[in-house]
Amino acid sequence: MTDPRALWAAVARASVNWKLLLPLLAGIEAVNRFAPASTSTLLTEVAILALFAASLNLLMSFGHMVSFGHAAYFGLGAYGFTLAVVRAGLPPEAALVVGPLVAALGGLIFGALCVRLTEIYFAMLTLACAQITYTVLFQWYDVTGGDTGITGFMTPRLGLSEAGYASVALWTVALALLALWAIVKSPLGLMIRAVGQDRARAEALGLGARKVQLTAFVIASFFAGIAGTLYAVLHGAVFPDYAGLGLTLDALIMVVLGGLNSFAGGVWGAVIYQLLSSVVPKFIHEWELVLGFVLLAICLMMPRGFVGLLHRLGLNRKGDK
């Protein structure tokens, strides 16, 4: 009989890097093929938001940059794709590349301002930039549709079935996560870590701190834009809330819940948070209050996040040998 502790140890050793993420997504893909349509949509949302959280995690865990406005680039990706279809008349398939590029451009513009500041001032400026984005999307009725957004502009999921689009989205997310992991492990990733851990020392060693931080900001914005584009395709609609503070706070919770200082943390946090958000309301009316207490309990019991718990279980297993 398999020792449950041995199983946890295996998960712990694997979960600290990207190699578990592909089997995890493959498992979701297997479930997706036999699941009802509503479950396929839920799994797709989980995967998309996992990518969004992973992009924020690049800034927080490795660059030590806390952004309160990361949803702006999710929203820019969603609206960039949508406006390319609705206003520019591009085929949806061709417009898929527009969303992430618009998000990256927004990240370049806002990031150039934000990296001039540090710590809480950086965080507050990211919030200000996000509020500017949200206000433009909310007020510019002639272009963005204002508070009602843009709906019915295309067949959701590019005309694919729920399961078909879920497969496309899952493997797009898998490739994006693999690319993010490669960046983290590259020389650029090492520079991002160095600047994040000790900016003054990194500059003394000849690293251009602002340039490195801006590069990380643009990369994170680009991958957030991919997530936003996939989300817009999934629902066939976009709304200003896609760039709102609420979504950024959700992503911050996901990163902390999964575990900081770990690439897999944002992904695990998104999976746990989204599943809890979907399951708890079915049983409890005041679900947001209950969910808050559940998340608080999890954070208190696992101060290093879910990945930290897996680490600890794996180390305990090693100690038994």
C-alpha atoms as a PDB file:
ATOM      1  CA  MET A   1       0.000   0.000   0.000  1.00  0.00           C
ATOM      2  CA  THR A   2       1.331   3.426  -0.919  1.00  0.00           C
ATOM      3  CA  ASP A   3       2.456   5.537   2.011  1.00  0.00           C
ATOM      4  CA  PRO A   4       0.493   8.846   1.839  1.00  0.00           C
ATOM      5  CA  ARG A   5       3.508  10.676   3.242  1.00  0.00           C
ATOM      6  CA  ALA A   6       5.634   9.380   0.383  1.00  0.00           C
ATOM      7  CA  LEU A   7       3.057  10.726  -2.058  1.00  0.00           C
ATOM      8  CA  TRP A   8       3.109  14.152  -0.392  1.00  0.00           C
ATOM      9  CA  ALA A   9       6.903  14.124  -0.464  1.00  0.00           C
ATOM     10  CA  ALA A  10       6.895  13.434  -4.197  1.00  0.00           C
ATOM     11  CA  VAL A  11       4.462  16.291  -4.774  1.00  0.00           C
ATOM     12  CA  ALA A  12       6.573  18.586  -2.597  1.00  0.00           C
ATOM     13  CA  ARG A  13       9.776  17.856  -4.493  1.00  0.00           C
ATOM     14  CA  ALA A  14       8.078  18.426  -7.842  1.00  0.00           C
ATOM     15  CA  SER A  15       5.893  21.421  -7.046  1.00  0.00           C
ATOM     16  CA  VAL A  16       8.728  23.881  -6.539  1.00  0.00           C
ATOM     17  CA  ASN A  17       9.419  24.078 -10.257  1.00  0.00           C
ATOM     18  CA  TRP A  18       7.511  24.155 -13.499  1.00  0.00           C
ATOM     19  CA  LYS A  19       7.727  20.404 -14.140  1.00  0.00           C
ATOM     20  CA  LEU A  20       4.633  19.767 -12.042  1.00  0.00           C
ATOM     21  CA  LEU A  21       2.669  22.456 -13.843  1.00  0.00           C
ATOM     22  CA  LEU A  22       2.513  20.587 -17.134  1.00  0.00           C
ATOM     23  CA  PRO A  23       1.268  17.325 -15.551  1.00  0.00           C
ATOM     24  CA  LEU A  24      -1.178  19.393 -13.513  1.00  0.00           C
ATOM     25  CA  LEU A  25      -2.578  21.003 -16.645  1.00  0.00           C
ATOM     26  CA  ALA A  26      -2.548  17.638 -18.400  1.00  0.00           C
ATOM     27  CA  GLY A  27      -4.639  16.248 -15.552  1.00  0.00           C
ATOM     28  CA  ILE A  28      -7.073  19.139 -15.880  1.00  0.00           C
ATOM     29  CA  GLU A  29      -7.197  18.462 -19.619  1.00  0.00           C
ATOM     30  CA  ALA A  30      -8.078  14.820 -18.962  1.00  0.00           C
ATOM     31  CA  VAL A  31     -10.875  15.842 -16.592  1.00  0.00           C
ATOM     32  CA  ASN A  32     -12.036  18.460 -19.087  1.00  0.00           C
ATOM     33  CA  ARG A  33     -12.659  15.897 -21.812  1.00  0.00           C
ATOM     34  CA  PHE A  34     -15.228  14.069 -19.697  1.00  0.00           C
ATOM     35  CA  ALA A  35     -16.647  17.019 -17.759  1.00  0.00           C
ATOM     36  CA  PRO A  36     -19.904  18.918 -18.391  1.00  0.00           C
ATOM     37  CA  ALA A  37     -19.762  22.294 -20.146  1.00  0.00           C
ATOM     38  CA  SER A  38     -19.946  24.304 -16.912  1.00  0.00           C
ATOM     39  CA  THR A  39     -16.965  22.420 -15.509  1.00  0.00           C
ATOM     40  CA  SER A  40     -14.963  23.024 -18.697  1.00  0.00           C
ATOM     41  CA  THR A  41     -15.590  26.754 -18.381  1.00  0.00           C
ATOM     42  CA  LEU A  42     -14.517  26.704 -14.727  1.00  0.00           C
ATOM     43  CA  LEU A  43     -11.318  24.804 -15.533  1.00  0.00           C
ATOM     44  CA  THR A  44     -10.523  27.260 -18.308  1.00  0.00           C
ATOM     45  CA  GLU A  45     -10.995  30.225 -15.975  1.00  0.00           C
ATOM     46  CA  VAL A  46      -8.759  28.568 -13.383  1.00  0.00           C
ATOM     47  CA  ALA A  47      -5.988  28.078 -15.951  1.00  0.00           C
ATOM     48  CA  ILE A  48      -6.264  31.635 -17.295  1.00  0.00           C
ATOM     49  CA  LEU A  49      -6.187  33.199 -13.836  1.00  0.00           C
ATOM     50  CA  ALA A  50      -3.274  30.940 -12.904  1.00  0.00           C
ATOM     51  CA  LEU A  51      -1.298  32.547 -15.731  1.00  0.00           C
ATOM     52  CA  PHE A  52      -2.390  35.995 -14.563  1.00  0.00           C
ATOM     53  CA  ALA A  53      -1.259  35.236 -11.007  1.00  0.00           C
ATOM     54  CA  ALA A  54       2.039  33.816 -12.292  1.00  0.00           C
ATOM     55  CA  SER A  55       2.715  37.053 -14.175  1.00  0.00           C
ATOM     56  CA  LEU A  56       2.169  39.059 -10.987  1.00  0.00           C
ATOM     57  CA  ASN A  57       4.311  36.559  -9.106  1.00  0.00           C
ATOM     58  CA  LEU A  58       7.224  37.406 -11.406  1.00  0.00           C
ATOM     59  CA  LEU A  59       7.128  40.954 -10.063  1.00  0.00           C
ATOM     60  CA  MET A  60       6.453  40.104  -6.424  1.00  0.00           C
ATOM     61  CA  SER A  61       8.517  36.997  -5.730  1.00  0.00           C
ATOM     62  CA  PHE A  62      11.503  37.668  -7.961  1.00  0.00           C
ATOM     63  CA  GLY A  63      11.513  41.420  -8.529  1.00  0.00           C
ATOM     64  CA  HIS A  64      10.219  42.322  -5.044  1.00  0.00           C
ATOM     65  CA  MET A  65       7.845  44.799  -6.700  1.00  0.00           C
ATOM     66  CA  VAL A  66       4.354  44.870  -5.217  1.00  0.00           C
ATOM     67  CA  SER A  67       1.860  46.023  -7.838  1.00  0.00           C
ATOM     68  CA  PHE A  68      -1.634  47.157  -6.874  1.00  0.00           C
ATOM     69  CA  GLY A  69      -2.548  47.712 -10.503  1.00  0.00           C
ATOM     70  CA  HIS A  70      -1.672  44.519 -12.339  1.00  0.00           C
ATOM     71  CA  ALA A  71      -5.245  44.030 -13.541  1.00  0.00           C
ATOM     72  CA  ALA A  72      -4.740  47.033 -15.825  1.00  0.00           C
ATOM     73  CA  TYR A  73      -2.689  44.846 -18.168  1.00  0.00           C
ATOM     74  CA  PHE A  74      -5.192  42.002 -17.996  1.00  0.00           C
ATOM     75  CA  GLY A  75      -7.819  44.544 -19.045  1.00  0.00           C
ATOM     76  CA  LEU A  76      -5.629  46.057 -21.751  1.00  0.00           C
ATOM     77  CA  GLY A  77      -5.084  42.594 -23.196  1.00  0.00           C
ATOM     78  CA  ALA A  78      -8.811  41.874 -23.200  1.00  0.00           C
ATOM     79  CA  TYR A  79      -9.751  45.244 -24.704  1.00  0.00           C
ATOM     80  CA  GLY A  80      -6.833  45.240 -27.140  1.00  0.00           C
ATOM     81  CA  PHE A  81      -8.078  41.981 -28.615  1.00  0.00           C
ATOM     82  CA  THR A  82     -11.723  43.094 -28.602  1.00  0.00           C
ATOM     83  CA  LEU A  83     -11.132  46.488 -30.201  1.00  0.00           C
ATOM     84  CA  ALA A  84      -8.939  44.904 -32.860  1.00  0.00           C
ATOM     85  CA  VAL A  85     -11.946  42.768 -33.801  1.00  0.00           C
ATOM     86  CA  VAL A  86     -14.728  45.343 -33.344  1.00  0.00           C
ATOM     87  CA  ARG A  87     -13.072  48.598 -34.465  1.00  0.00           C
ATOM     88  CA  ALA A  88     -10.222  47.478 -36.719  1.00  0.00           C
ATOM     89  CA  GLY A  89     -12.132  44.595 -38.290  1.00  0.00           C
ATOM     90  CA  LEU A  90      -9.375  42.029 -37.815  1.00  0.00           C
ATOM     91  CA  PRO A  91     -10.314  38.349 -37.781  1.00  0.00           C
ATOM     92  CA  PRO A  92     -10.418  37.086 -34.168  1.00  0.00           C
ATOM     93  CA  GLU A  93      -7.614  34.628 -34.877  1.00  0.00           C
ATOM     94  CA  ALA A  94      -5.338  37.446 -36.081  1.00  0.00           C
ATOM     95  CA  ALA A  95      -6.368  39.749 -33.231  1.00  0.00           C
ATOM     96  CA  LEU A  96      -5.124  37.253 -30.651  1.00  0.00           C
ATOM     97  CA  VAL A  97      -1.617  38.717 -30.885  1.00  0.00           C
ATOM     98  CA  VAL A  98      -2.856  42.302 -30.521  1.00  0.00           C
ATOM     99  CA  GLY A  99      -4.095  41.968 -26.942  1.00  0.00           C
ATOM    100  CA  PRO A 100      -0.769  40.939 -25.362  1.00  0.00           C
ATOM    101  CA  LEU A 101       1.109  43.562 -27.394  1.00  0.00           C
ATOM    102  CA  VAL A 102      -1.252  46.320 -26.221  1.00  0.00           C
ATOM    103  CA  ALA A 103      -0.771  45.134 -22.640  1.00  0.00           C
ATOM    104  CA  ALA A 104       3.016  45.157 -23.065  1.00  0.00           C
ATOM    105  CA  LEU A 105       2.870  48.687 -24.500  1.00  0.00           C
ATOM    106  CA  GLY A 106       0.808  49.800 -21.524  1.00  0.00           C
ATOM    107  CA  GLY A 107       3.333  48.132 -19.239  1.00  0.00           C
ATOM    108  CA  LEU A 108       6.163  49.984 -20.978  1.00  0.00           C
ATOM    109  CA  ILE A 109       4.478  53.377 -20.589  1.00  0.00           C
ATOM    110  CA  PHE A 110       3.290  52.967 -17.018  1.00  0.00           C
ATOM    111  CA  GLY A 111       6.331  50.958 -15.979  1.00  0.00           C
ATOM    112  CA  ALA A 112       8.678  53.738 -17.086  1.00  0.00           C
ATOM    113  CA  LEU A 113       6.946  55.950 -14.532  1.00  0.00           C
ATOM    114  CA  CYS A 114       6.609  53.390 -11.753  1.00  0.00           C
ATOM    115  CA  VAL A 115      10.202  52.122 -11.643  1.00  0.00           C
ATOM    116  CA  ARG A 116      11.377  55.612 -10.748  1.00  0.00           C
ATOM    117  CA  LEU A 117       9.994  54.942  -7.272  1.00  0.00           C
ATOM    118  CA  THR A 118      10.457  52.128  -4.770  1.00  0.00           C
ATOM    119  CA  GLU A 119       8.527  50.221  -2.111  1.00  0.00           C
ATOM    120  CA  ILE A 120       5.180  51.756  -1.068  1.00  0.00           C
ATOM    121  CA  TYR A 121       5.550  54.657  -3.494  1.00  0.00           C
ATOM    122  CA  PHE A 122       5.988  52.210  -6.353  1.00  0.00           C
ATOM    123  CA  ALA A 123       2.905  50.282  -5.223  1.00  0.00           C
ATOM    124  CA  MET A 124       0.765  53.423  -4.979  1.00  0.00           C
ATOM    125  CA  LEU A 125       1.865  54.623  -8.409  1.00  0.00           C
ATOM    126  CA  THR A 126       0.909  51.264  -9.955  1.00  0.00           C
ATOM    127  CA  LEU A 127      -2.521  51.711  -8.377  1.00  0.00           C
ATOM    128  CA  ALA A 128      -2.805  55.214  -9.837  1.00  0.00           C
ATOM    129  CA  CYS A 129      -1.898  53.952 -13.315  1.00  0.00           C
ATOM    130  CA  ALA A 130      -4.465  51.174 -13.019  1.00  0.00           C
ATOM    131  CA  GLN A 131      -7.152  53.649 -11.990  1.00  0.00           C
ATOM    132  CA  ILE A 132      -6.345  55.762 -15.041  1.00  0.00           C
ATOM    133  CA  THR A 133      -6.792  52.686 -17.229  1.00  0.00           C
ATOM    134  CA  TYR A 134     -10.051  51.736 -15.526  1.00  0.00           C
ATOM    135  CA  THR A 135     -11.423  55.281 -15.836  1.00  0.00           C
ATOM    136  CA  VAL A 136     -10.634  55.458 -19.554  1.00  0.00           C
ATOM    137  CA  LEU A 137     -12.324  52.104 -20.161  1.00  0.00           C
ATOM    138  CA  PHE A 138     -15.302  53.149 -18.039  1.00  0.00           C
ATOM    139  CA  GLN A 139     -15.800  56.631 -19.524  1.00  0.00           C
ATOM    140  CA  TRP A 140     -14.854  56.307 -23.210  1.00  0.00           C
ATOM    141  CA  TYR A 141     -18.289  55.137 -24.373  1.00  0.00           C
ATOM    142  CA  ASP A 142     -17.726  55.664 -28.087  1.00  0.00           C
ATOM    143  CA  VAL A 143     -14.786  53.276 -28.149  1.00  0.00           C
ATOM    144  CA  THR A 144     -14.965  50.957 -25.144  1.00  0.00           C
ATOM    145  CA  GLY A 145     -18.707  50.877 -24.549  1.00  0.00           C
ATOM    146  CA  GLY A 146     -18.303  52.485 -21.144  1.00  0.00           C
ATOM    147  CA  ASP A 147     -19.668  50.737 -18.085  1.00  0.00           C
ATOM    148  CA  THR A 148     -21.673  48.281 -20.208  1.00  0.00           C
ATOM    149  CA  GLY A 149     -18.543  47.014 -21.927  1.00  0.00           C
ATOM    150  CA  ILE A 150     -18.621  45.326 -25.312  1.00  0.00           C
ATOM    151  CA  THR A 151     -20.706  42.188 -25.696  1.00  0.00           C
ATOM    152  CA  GLY A 152     -21.897  39.966 -28.503  1.00  0.00           C
ATOM    153  CA  PHE A 153     -19.104  41.017 -30.849  1.00  0.00           C
ATOM    154  CA  MET A 154     -18.125  37.451 -31.664  1.00  0.00           C
ATOM    155  CA  THR A 155     -19.042  33.886 -30.941  1.00  0.00           C
ATOM    156  CA  PRO A 156     -17.536  32.980 -27.561  1.00  0.00           C
ATOM    157  CA  ARG A 157     -14.524  30.653 -27.667  1.00  0.00           C
ATOM    158  CA  LEU A 158     -13.922  31.366 -31.391  1.00  0.00           C
ATOM    159  CA  GLY A 159     -16.809  29.054 -32.223  1.00  0.00           C
ATOM    160  CA  LEU A 160     -15.205  26.073 -30.495  1.00  0.00           C
ATOM    161  CA  SER A 161     -17.044  23.884 -28.022  1.00  0.00           C
ATOM    162  CA  GLU A 162     -16.451  24.428 -24.307  1.00  0.00           C
ATOM    163  CA  ALA A 163     -14.141  21.416 -24.172  1.00  0.00           C
ATOM    164  CA  GLY A 164     -12.391  22.388 -27.410  1.00  0.00           C
ATOM    165  CA  TYR A 165     -11.567  25.916 -26.297  1.00  0.00           C
ATOM    166  CA  ALA A 166     -10.603  24.656 -22.844  1.00  0.00           C
ATOM    167  CA  SER A 167      -7.960  22.474 -24.490  1.00  0.00           C
ATOM    168  CA  VAL A 168      -6.628  25.397 -26.538  1.00  0.00           C
ATOM    169  CA  ALA A 169      -6.538  27.675 -23.498  1.00  0.00           C
ATOM    170  CA  LEU A 170      -4.926  25.061 -21.248  1.00  0.00           C
ATOM    171  CA  TRP A 171      -2.053  24.380 -23.598  1.00  0.00           C
ATOM    172  CA  THR A 172      -1.598  28.077 -24.349  1.00  0.00           C
ATOM    173  CA  VAL A 173      -1.305  28.644 -20.607  1.00  0.00           C
ATOM    174  CA  ALA A 174       1.133  25.725 -20.331  1.00  0.00           C
ATOM    175  CA  LEU A 175       3.406  27.199 -23.015  1.00  0.00           C
ATOM    176  CA  ALA A 176       3.180  30.658 -21.439  1.00  0.00           C
ATOM    177  CA  LEU A 177       4.108  29.266 -18.018  1.00  0.00           C
ATOM    178  CA  LEU A 178       7.019  27.402 -19.561  1.00  0.00           C
ATOM    179  CA  ALA A 179       8.210  30.648 -21.166  1.00  0.00           C
ATOM    180  CA  LEU A 180       7.881  32.485 -17.844  1.00  0.00           C
ATOM    181  CA  TRP A 181       9.842  29.774 -16.060  1.00  0.00           C
ATOM    182  CA  ALA A 182      12.578  29.972 -18.702  1.00  0.00           C
ATOM    183  CA  ILE A 183      12.797  33.735 -18.118  1.00  0.00           C
ATOM    184  CA  VAL A 184      13.061  33.250 -14.350  1.00  0.00           C
ATOM    185  CA  LYS A 185      15.923  30.764 -14.833  1.00  0.00           C
ATOM    186  CA  SER A 186      17.707  32.870 -17.465  1.00  0.00           C
ATOM    187  CA  PRO A 187      20.446  35.468 -16.836  1.00  0.00           C
ATOM    188  CA  LEU A 188      17.707  38.097 -17.059  1.00  0.00           C
ATOM    189  CA  GLY A 189      15.850  36.311 -14.283  1.00  0.00           C
ATOM    190  CA  LEU A 190      18.976  36.360 -12.136  1.00  0.00           C
ATOM    191  CA  MET A 191      19.315  40.099 -12.721  1.00  0.00           C
ATOM    192  CA  ILE A 192      15.671  40.632 -11.755  1.00  0.00           C
ATOM    193  CA  ARG A 193      16.299  38.742  -8.512  1.00  0.00           C
ATOM    194  CA  ALA A 194      19.514  40.633  -7.811  1.00  0.00           C
ATOM    195  CA  VAL A 195      17.862  44.029  -8.218  1.00  0.00           C
ATOM    196  CA  GLY A 196      14.859  42.924  -6.184  1.00  0.00           C
ATOM    197  CA  GLN A 197      16.946  41.635  -3.283  1.00  0.00           C
ATOM    198  CA  ASP A 198      19.414  44.512  -3.058  1.00  0.00           C
ATOM    199  CA  ARG A 199      19.000  47.334  -5.541  1.00  0.00           C
ATOM    200  CA  ALA A 200      21.958  49.363  -4.278  1.00  0.00           C
ATOM    201  CA  ARG A 201      24.352  46.423  -4.473  1.00  0.00           C
ATOM    202  CA  ALA A 202      23.086  45.486  -7.940  1.00  0.00           C
ATOM    203  CA  GLU A 203      23.726  49.021  -9.159  1.00  0.00           C
ATOM    204  CA  ALA A 204      27.190  48.946  -7.595  1.00  0.00           C
ATOM    205  CA  LEU A 205      27.897  45.821  -9.633  1.00  0.00           C
ATOM    206  CA  GLY A 206      26.956  47.667 -12.805  1.00  0.00           C
ATOM    207  CA  LEU A 207      23.359  46.547 -13.293  1.00  0.00           C
ATOM    208  CA  GLY A 208      20.932  49.195 -14.489  1.00  0.00           C
ATOM    209  CA  ALA A 209      18.257  48.714 -11.842  1.00  0.00           C
ATOM    210  CA  ARG A 210      15.554  50.743 -13.574  1.00  0.00           C
ATOM    211  CA  LYS A 211      16.155  49.061 -16.901  1.00  0.00           C
ATOM    212  CA  VAL A 212      15.962  45.590 -15.334  1.00  0.00           C
ATOM    213  CA  GLN A 213      12.817  46.460 -13.388  1.00  0.00           C
ATOM    214  CA  LEU A 214      11.183  47.975 -16.452  1.00  0.00           C
ATOM    215  CA  THR A 215      11.984  44.850 -18.461  1.00  0.00           C
ATOM    216  CA  ALA A 216      10.381  42.689 -15.765  1.00  0.00           C
ATOM    217  CA  PHE A 217       7.365  44.997 -15.692  1.00  0.00           C
ATOM    218  CA  VAL A 218       6.844  44.754 -19.450  1.00  0.00           C
ATOM    219  CA  ILE A 219       7.258  40.969 -19.433  1.00  0.00           C
ATOM    220  CA  ALA A 220       4.727  40.604 -16.611  1.00  0.00           C
ATOM    221  CA  SER A 221       2.332  42.920 -18.463  1.00  0.00           C
ATOM    222  CA  PHE A 222       2.678  40.888 -21.658  1.00  0.00           C
ATOM    223  CA  PHE A 223       1.760  37.624 -19.944  1.00  0.00           C
ATOM    224  CA  ALA A 224      -1.096  39.324 -18.090  1.00  0.00           C
ATOM    225  CA  GLY A 225      -2.264  40.469 -21.524  1.00  0.00           C
ATOM    226  CA  ILE A 226      -2.239  36.881 -22.783  1.00  0.00           C
ATOM    227  CA  ALA A 227      -4.462  35.936 -19.845  1.00  0.00           C
ATOM    228  CA  GLY A 228      -6.798  38.860 -20.546  1.00  0.00           C
ATOM    229  CA  THR A 229      -7.054  37.932 -24.215  1.00  0.00           C
ATOM    230  CA  LEU A 230      -7.883  34.312 -23.416  1.00  0.00           C
ATOM    231  CA  TYR A 231     -10.510  35.494 -20.930  1.00  0.00           C
ATOM    232  CA  ALA A 232     -12.150  37.795 -23.482  1.00  0.00           C
ATOM    233  CA  VAL A 233     -12.287  34.968 -26.013  1.00  0.00           C
ATOM    234  CA  LEU A 234     -13.789  32.626 -23.427  1.00  0.00           C
ATOM    235  CA  HIS A 235     -16.728  34.914 -22.654  1.00  0.00           C
ATOM    236  CA  GLY A 236     -17.043  36.846 -25.914  1.00  0.00           C
ATOM    237  CA  ALA A 237     -17.361  40.059 -23.901  1.00  0.00           C
ATOM    238  CA  VAL A 238     -15.243  42.614 -22.042  1.00  0.00           C
ATOM    239  CA  PHE A 239     -16.042  44.979 -19.164  1.00  0.00           C
ATOM    240  CA  PRO A 240     -14.111  47.724 -17.332  1.00  0.00           C
ATOM    241  CA  ASP A 241     -13.931  45.520 -14.232  1.00  0.00           C
ATOM    242  CA  TYR A 242     -11.367  43.426 -16.088  1.00  0.00           C
ATOM    243  CA  ALA A 243      -8.957  46.264 -15.249  1.00  0.00           C
ATOM    244  CA  GLY A 244     -10.408  46.946 -11.805  1.00  0.00           C
ATOM    245  CA  LEU A 245      -8.833  46.849  -8.373  1.00  0.00           C
ATOM    246  CA  GLY A 246     -10.874  43.794  -7.394  1.00  0.00           C
ATOM    247  CA  LEU A 247      -9.098  41.559  -9.881  1.00  0.00           C
ATOM    248  CA  THR A 248      -5.692  42.798  -8.732  1.00  0.00           C
ATOM    249  CA  LEU A 249      -6.579  42.009  -5.118  1.00  0.00           C
ATOM    250  CA  ASP A 250      -7.692  38.536  -6.182  1.00  0.00           C
ATOM    251  CA  ALA A 251      -4.320  37.997  -7.850  1.00  0.00           C
ATOM    252  CA  LEU A 252      -2.453  39.251  -4.772  1.00  0.00           C
ATOM    253  CA  ILE A 253      -4.379  36.754  -2.631  1.00  0.00           C
ATOM    254  CA  MET A 254      -3.555  33.972  -5.092  1.00  0.00           C
ATOM    255  CA  VAL A 255       0.170  34.716  -4.970  1.00  0.00           C
ATOM    256  CA  VAL A 256       0.306  34.904  -1.168  1.00  0.00           C
ATOM    257  CA  LEU A 257      -1.936  31.858  -0.782  1.00  0.00           C
ATOM    258  CA  GLY A 258       0.210  29.780  -3.110  1.00  0.00           C
ATOM    259  CA  GLY A 259       3.465  30.976  -1.617  1.00  0.00           C
ATOM    260  CA  LEU A 260       5.893  33.786  -2.336  1.00  0.00           C
ATOM    261  CA  ASN A 261       9.433  33.132  -3.555  1.00  0.00           C
ATOM    262  CA  SER A 262       8.256  30.154  -5.590  1.00  0.00           C
ATOM    263  CA  PHE A 263       7.443  30.067  -9.279  1.00  0.00           C
ATOM    264  CA  ALA A 264       4.626  27.568  -8.719  1.00  0.00           C
ATOM    265  CA  GLY A 265       3.103  29.624  -5.903  1.00  0.00           C
ATOM    266  CA  GLY A 266       0.929  31.828  -8.077  1.00  0.00           C
ATOM    267  CA  VAL A 267      -0.396  28.846 -10.014  1.00  0.00           C
ATOM    268  CA  TRP A 268      -1.278  26.810  -6.927  1.00  0.00           C
ATOM    269  CA  GLY A 269      -2.835  29.876  -5.297  1.00  0.00           C
ATOM    270  CA  ALA A 270      -5.044  30.510  -8.322  1.00  0.00           C
ATOM    271  CA  VAL A 271      -6.228  26.898  -8.392  1.00  0.00           C
ATOM    272  CA  ILE A 272      -7.066  26.867  -4.671  1.00  0.00           C
ATOM    273  CA  TYR A 273      -8.676  30.323  -4.639  1.00  0.00           C
ATOM    274  CA  GLN A 274     -10.822  29.786  -7.721  1.00  0.00           C
ATOM    275  CA  LEU A 275     -12.023  26.363  -6.612  1.00  0.00           C
ATOM    276  CA  LEU A 276     -12.936  27.724  -3.173  1.00  0.00           C
ATOM    277  CA  SER A 277     -14.712  30.695  -4.787  1.00  0.00           C
ATOM    278  CA  SER A 278     -16.729  28.298  -6.939  1.00  0.00           C
ATOM    279  CA  VAL A 279     -17.572  25.671  -4.316  1.00  0.00           C
ATOM    280  CA  VAL A 280     -18.307  27.718  -1.168  1.00  0.00           C
ATOM    281  CA  PRO A 281     -21.184  29.830  -2.675  1.00  0.00           C
ATOM    282  CA  LYS A 282     -23.092  26.647  -3.513  1.00  0.00           C
ATOM    283  CA  PHE A 283     -23.475  25.783   0.160  1.00  0.00           C
ATOM    284  CA  ILE A 284     -23.385  29.082   2.062  1.00  0.00           C
ATOM    285  CA  HIS A 285     -25.315  32.301   1.369  1.00  0.00           C
ATOM    286  CA  GLU A 286     -22.810  34.678   2.989  1.00  0.00           C
ATOM    287  CA  TRP A 287     -20.052  32.984   1.078  1.00  0.00           C
ATOM    288  CA  GLU A 288     -17.674  35.945   0.838  1.00  0.00           C
ATOM    289  CA  LEU A 289     -17.481  36.224   4.637  1.00  0.00           C
ATOM    290  CA  VAL A 290     -16.923  32.493   5.026  1.00  0.00           C
ATOM    291  CA  LEU A 291     -14.372  32.457   2.215  1.00  0.00           C
ATOM    292  CA  GLY A 292     -12.499  35.265   3.937  1.00  0.00           C
ATOM    293  CA  PHE A 293     -12.255  33.268   7.164  1.00  0.00           C
ATOM    294  CA  VAL A 294     -11.189  30.155   5.257  1.00  0.00           C
ATOM    295  CA  LEU A 295      -8.427  32.062   3.475  1.00  0.00           C
ATOM    296  CA  LEU A 296      -7.347  33.682   6.746  1.00  0.00           C
ATOM    297  CA  ALA A 297      -7.113  30.270   8.404  1.00  0.00           C
ATOM    298  CA  ILE A 298      -5.101  28.892   5.490  1.00  0.00           C
ATOM    299  CA  CYS A 299      -2.659  31.808   5.602  1.00  0.00           C
ATOM    300  CA  LEU A 300      -2.203  31.444   9.381  1.00  0.00           C
ATOM    301  CA  MET A 301      -1.674  27.697   9.136  1.00  0.00           C
ATOM    302  CA  MET A 302       0.578  27.996   6.092  1.00  0.00           C
ATOM    303  CA  PRO A 303       2.543  31.273   6.441  1.00  0.00           C
ATOM    304  CA  ARG A 304       4.771  30.274   3.515  1.00  0.00           C
ATOM    305  CA  GLY A 305       1.791  29.368   1.379  1.00  0.00           C
ATOM    306  CA  PHE A 306       0.714  26.068  -0.095  1.00  0.00           C
ATOM    307  CA  VAL A 307       4.065  25.428  -1.756  1.00  0.00           C
ATOM    308  CA  GLY A 308       5.763  26.073   1.580  1.00  0.00           C
ATOM    309  CA  LEU A 309       3.554  23.408   3.148  1.00  0.00           C
ATOM    310  CA  LEU A 310       4.510  20.938   0.433  1.00  0.00           C
ATOM    311  CA  HIS A 311       8.167  21.811   1.019  1.00  0.00           C
ATOM    312  CA  ARG A 312       7.788  21.111   4.713  1.00  0.00           C
ATOM    313  CA  LEU A 313       6.058  17.783   4.152  1.00  0.00           C
ATOM    314  CA  GLY A 314       8.767  16.770   1.709  1.00  0.00           C
ATOM    315  CA  LEU A 315      11.530  17.689   4.155  1.00  0.00           C
ATOM    316  CA  ASN A 316       9.810  15.715   6.895  1.00  0.00           C
ATOM    317  CA  ARG A 317       9.776  12.719   4.642  1.00  0.00           C
ATOM    318  CA  LYS A 318      13.473  13.110   3.923  1.00  0.00           C
ATOM    319  CA  GLY A 319      14.132  13.229   7.636  1.00  0.00           C
ATOM    320  CA  ASP A 320      12.488   9.825   8.048  1.00  0.00           C
ATOM    321  CA  LYS A 321      14.903   8.145   5.691  1.00  0.00           C
END
